[in-house]
Amino acid sequence: MPWVSEELCTGCGVCVDECYASAISMIEEVAFIDETECIRCGVCHEVCPSDAVRHDGERVPEEVASNLAWAEELLEHEYYSGDSQKREELYQRLLRYFNKNKKVMEKSIERLKLLWDEKYEEKSED
């Protein structure tokens, strides 16, 4: 999912004008991409003169840090204070939660590949 670096965006509006899906708007002179409307065509990356439209892979460290901060906040909640068994149980639940998310993504990637092969691979060879 593309996103816009507020520090790099000059507010020129080129991405807004060129967005095929009308998923980009200006908020306080900074471009904003509506994730629900974005069709991931990549045009915004290509037309941005200030390289402000960034790739979501750049956010991995930020998302990991956010997940860890959330987990730490839960682990340090007063409910778990002084009860190592309850804290261990929460730790195990958090591991299951993140492993479930990992499994969902892995299966989504597998099925996307199948979808591509079934519906589009043959067509692109024609």
C-alpha atoms as a PDB file:
ATOM      1  CA  MET A   1       0.000   0.000   0.000  1.00  0.00           C
ATOM      2  CA  PRO A   2       1.551   3.291  -1.003  1.00  0.00           C
ATOM      3  CA  TRP A   3       1.670   6.068   1.547  1.00  0.00           C
ATOM      4  CA  VAL A   4       2.821   9.666   1.520  1.00  0.00           C
ATOM      5  CA  SER A   5       5.759  10.980   3.532  1.00  0.00           C
ATOM      6  CA  GLU A   6       4.560  14.234   5.051  1.00  0.00           C
ATOM      7  CA  GLU A   7       8.157  15.455   5.232  1.00  0.00           C
ATOM      8  CA  LEU A   8       8.718  14.987   1.492  1.00  0.00           C
ATOM      9  CA  CYS A   9       5.310  16.039   0.153  1.00  0.00           C
ATOM     10  CA  THR A  10       5.351  19.561  -1.292  1.00  0.00           C
ATOM     11  CA  GLY A  11       1.582  19.684  -1.765  1.00  0.00           C
ATOM     12  CA  CYS A  12       1.846  20.061  -5.537  1.00  0.00           C
ATOM     13  CA  GLY A  13      -1.216  17.854  -6.143  1.00  0.00           C
ATOM     14  CA  VAL A  14       0.172  16.008  -9.163  1.00  0.00           C
ATOM     15  CA  CYS A  15      -0.671  12.650  -7.578  1.00  0.00           C
ATOM     16  CA  VAL A  16      -4.231  13.811  -6.891  1.00  0.00           C
ATOM     17  CA  ASP A  17      -4.697  14.806 -10.527  1.00  0.00           C
ATOM     18  CA  GLU A  18      -3.167  11.587 -11.883  1.00  0.00           C
ATOM     19  CA  CYS A  19      -4.806   9.066  -9.538  1.00  0.00           C
ATOM     20  CA  TYR A  20      -7.033   6.859 -11.682  1.00  0.00           C
ATOM     21  CA  ALA A  21      -9.088   5.716  -8.669  1.00  0.00           C
ATOM     22  CA  SER A  22      -9.488   9.168  -7.085  1.00  0.00           C
ATOM     23  CA  ALA A  23      -7.977   7.679  -3.929  1.00  0.00           C
ATOM     24  CA  ILE A  24      -5.704  10.626  -3.164  1.00  0.00           C
ATOM     25  CA  SER A  25      -6.790  13.875  -1.587  1.00  0.00           C
ATOM     26  CA  MET A  26      -5.046  16.833  -0.021  1.00  0.00           C
ATOM     27  CA  ILE A  27      -5.316  17.255   3.727  1.00  0.00           C
ATOM     28  CA  GLU A  28      -3.713  20.421   5.056  1.00  0.00           C
ATOM     29  CA  GLU A  29      -1.568  20.709   1.904  1.00  0.00           C
ATOM     30  CA  VAL A  30      -0.271  17.122   2.165  1.00  0.00           C
ATOM     31  CA  ALA A  31      -1.406  14.269  -0.070  1.00  0.00           C
ATOM     32  CA  PHE A  32      -3.272  11.424   1.634  1.00  0.00           C
ATOM     33  CA  ILE A  33      -3.989   8.028   0.054  1.00  0.00           C
ATOM     34  CA  ASP A  34      -7.255   6.345   1.043  1.00  0.00           C
ATOM     35  CA  GLU A  35      -6.305   2.686   1.408  1.00  0.00           C
ATOM     36  CA  THR A  36      -9.873   1.510   0.752  1.00  0.00           C
ATOM     37  CA  GLU A  37     -10.007   3.298  -2.603  1.00  0.00           C
ATOM     38  CA  CYS A  38      -6.446   2.698  -3.813  1.00  0.00           C
ATOM     39  CA  ILE A  39      -6.162   0.144  -6.645  1.00  0.00           C
ATOM     40  CA  ARG A  40      -2.369  -0.190  -6.282  1.00  0.00           C
ATOM     41  CA  CYS A  41      -1.628   0.868  -9.858  1.00  0.00           C
ATOM     42  CA  GLY A  42       1.628   2.621  -8.940  1.00  0.00           C
ATOM     43  CA  VAL A  43       0.913   5.794 -10.906  1.00  0.00           C
ATOM     44  CA  CYS A  44       1.348   7.966  -7.819  1.00  0.00           C
ATOM     45  CA  HIS A  45       4.874   6.599  -7.358  1.00  0.00           C
ATOM     46  CA  GLU A  46       5.713   7.407 -10.960  1.00  0.00           C
ATOM     47  CA  VAL A  47       4.366  10.971 -11.042  1.00  0.00           C
ATOM     48  CA  CYS A  48       5.439  12.333  -7.664  1.00  0.00           C
ATOM     49  CA  PRO A  49       8.179  14.882  -8.370  1.00  0.00           C
ATOM     50  CA  SER A  50       9.397  14.893  -4.757  1.00  0.00           C
ATOM     51  CA  ASP A  51       9.469  11.109  -4.245  1.00  0.00           C
ATOM     52  CA  ALA A  52       7.005  11.541  -1.370  1.00  0.00           C
ATOM     53  CA  VAL A  53       4.906   8.517  -2.308  1.00  0.00           C
ATOM     54  CA  ARG A  54       6.581   5.654  -0.529  1.00  0.00           C
ATOM     55  CA  HIS A  55       6.297   1.854  -0.575  1.00  0.00           C
ATOM     56  CA  ASP A  56       4.694  -0.001   2.317  1.00  0.00           C
ATOM     57  CA  GLY A  57       7.756  -2.199   2.787  1.00  0.00           C
ATOM     58  CA  GLU A  58       9.466   0.825   4.313  1.00  0.00           C
ATOM     59  CA  ARG A  59       7.000   0.680   7.186  1.00  0.00           C
ATOM     60  CA  VAL A  60       7.899  -2.826   8.361  1.00  0.00           C
ATOM     61  CA  PRO A  61      10.196  -1.631  11.178  1.00  0.00           C
ATOM     62  CA  GLU A  62       7.559   0.902  12.278  1.00  0.00           C
ATOM     63  CA  GLU A  63       4.821  -1.739  12.301  1.00  0.00           C
ATOM     64  CA  VAL A  64       7.000  -4.194  14.248  1.00  0.00           C
ATOM     65  CA  ALA A  65       7.761  -1.492  16.812  1.00  0.00           C
ATOM     66  CA  SER A  66       4.051  -0.705  17.105  1.00  0.00           C
ATOM     67  CA  ASN A  67       3.213  -4.390  17.633  1.00  0.00           C
ATOM     68  CA  LEU A  68       5.886  -4.711  20.318  1.00  0.00           C
ATOM     69  CA  ALA A  69       4.753  -1.550  22.084  1.00  0.00           C
ATOM     70  CA  TRP A  70       1.180  -2.892  22.128  1.00  0.00           C
ATOM     71  CA  ALA A  71       2.348  -6.273  23.454  1.00  0.00           C
ATOM     72  CA  GLU A  72       4.512  -4.659  26.126  1.00  0.00           C
ATOM     73  CA  GLU A  73       1.635  -2.444  27.232  1.00  0.00           C
ATOM     74  CA  LEU A  74      -0.545  -5.530  27.655  1.00  0.00           C
ATOM     75  CA  LEU A  75       2.172  -7.472  29.468  1.00  0.00           C
ATOM     76  CA  GLU A  76       2.664  -4.605  31.899  1.00  0.00           C
ATOM     77  CA  HIS A  77      -1.032  -4.091  32.616  1.00  0.00           C
ATOM     78  CA  GLU A  78      -1.835  -4.136  36.340  1.00  0.00           C
ATOM     79  CA  TYR A  79      -3.948  -7.283  35.844  1.00  0.00           C
ATOM     80  CA  TYR A  80      -0.739  -9.243  35.176  1.00  0.00           C
ATOM     81  CA  SER A  81       1.352  -7.491  37.834  1.00  0.00           C
ATOM     82  CA  GLY A  82       2.937  -9.957  40.212  1.00  0.00           C
ATOM     83  CA  ASP A  83       1.333 -12.983  38.558  1.00  0.00           C
ATOM     84  CA  SER A  84       3.913 -14.686  36.387  1.00  0.00           C
ATOM     85  CA  GLN A  85       1.487 -17.445  35.346  1.00  0.00           C
ATOM     86  CA  LYS A  86      -1.072 -14.961  33.988  1.00  0.00           C
ATOM     87  CA  ARG A  87       1.712 -13.051  32.223  1.00  0.00           C
ATOM     88  CA  GLU A  88       3.046 -16.292  30.677  1.00  0.00           C
ATOM     89  CA  GLU A  89      -0.478 -17.166  29.480  1.00  0.00           C
ATOM     90  CA  LEU A  90      -0.781 -13.749  27.848  1.00  0.00           C
ATOM     91  CA  TYR A  91       2.621 -14.189  26.222  1.00  0.00           C
ATOM     92  CA  GLN A  92       1.437 -17.496  24.736  1.00  0.00           C
ATOM     93  CA  ARG A  93      -1.804 -15.871  23.504  1.00  0.00           C
ATOM     94  CA  LEU A  94       0.198 -13.089  21.863  1.00  0.00           C
ATOM     95  CA  LEU A  95       2.408 -15.652  20.120  1.00  0.00           C
ATOM     96  CA  ARG A  96      -0.711 -17.451  18.821  1.00  0.00           C
ATOM     97  CA  TYR A  97      -2.200 -14.132  17.676  1.00  0.00           C
ATOM     98  CA  PHE A  98       0.870 -13.112  15.669  1.00  0.00           C
ATOM     99  CA  ASN A  99       1.335 -16.633  14.305  1.00  0.00           C
ATOM    100  CA  LYS A 100      -2.289 -16.613  13.140  1.00  0.00           C
ATOM    101  CA  ASN A 101      -1.676 -13.337  11.312  1.00  0.00           C
ATOM    102  CA  LYS A 102       1.443 -14.807   9.737  1.00  0.00           C
ATOM    103  CA  LYS A 103      -0.490 -17.880   8.622  1.00  0.00           C
ATOM    104  CA  VAL A 104      -3.270 -15.745   7.121  1.00  0.00           C
ATOM    105  CA  MET A 105      -0.715 -13.770   5.086  1.00  0.00           C
ATOM    106  CA  GLU A 106       1.110 -16.911   3.932  1.00  0.00           C
ATOM    107  CA  LYS A 107      -2.140 -18.546   2.817  1.00  0.00           C
ATOM    108  CA  SER A 108      -3.238 -15.312   1.108  1.00  0.00           C
ATOM    109  CA  ILE A 109       0.027 -15.266  -0.861  1.00  0.00           C
ATOM    110  CA  GLU A 110      -0.404 -18.929  -1.832  1.00  0.00           C
ATOM    111  CA  ARG A 111      -3.960 -18.377  -3.006  1.00  0.00           C
ATOM    112  CA  LEU A 112      -3.077 -15.186  -4.840  1.00  0.00           C
ATOM    113  CA  LYS A 113      -0.515 -17.158  -6.820  1.00  0.00           C
ATOM    114  CA  LEU A 114      -3.158 -19.797  -7.616  1.00  0.00           C
ATOM    115  CA  LEU A 115      -5.654 -17.121  -8.623  1.00  0.00           C
ATOM    116  CA  TRP A 116      -3.069 -15.562 -10.907  1.00  0.00           C
ATOM    117  CA  ASP A 117      -2.187 -18.893 -12.487  1.00  0.00           C
ATOM    118  CA  GLU A 118      -5.826 -19.904 -12.968  1.00  0.00           C
ATOM    119  CA  LYS A 119      -7.218 -16.637 -14.287  1.00  0.00           C
ATOM    120  CA  TYR A 120      -4.423 -14.567 -15.726  1.00  0.00           C
ATOM    121  CA  GLU A 121      -1.281 -16.559 -16.510  1.00  0.00           C
ATOM    122  CA  GLU A 122      -2.787 -18.208 -19.601  1.00  0.00           C
ATOM    123  CA  LYS A 123      -4.248 -14.942 -20.825  1.00  0.00           C
ATOM    124  CA  SER A 124      -0.936 -13.149 -20.629  1.00  0.00           C
ATOM    125  CA  GLU A 125       0.681 -15.851 -22.787  1.00  0.00           C
ATOM    126  CA  ASP A 126      -1.856 -15.327 -25.630  1.00  0.00           C
END
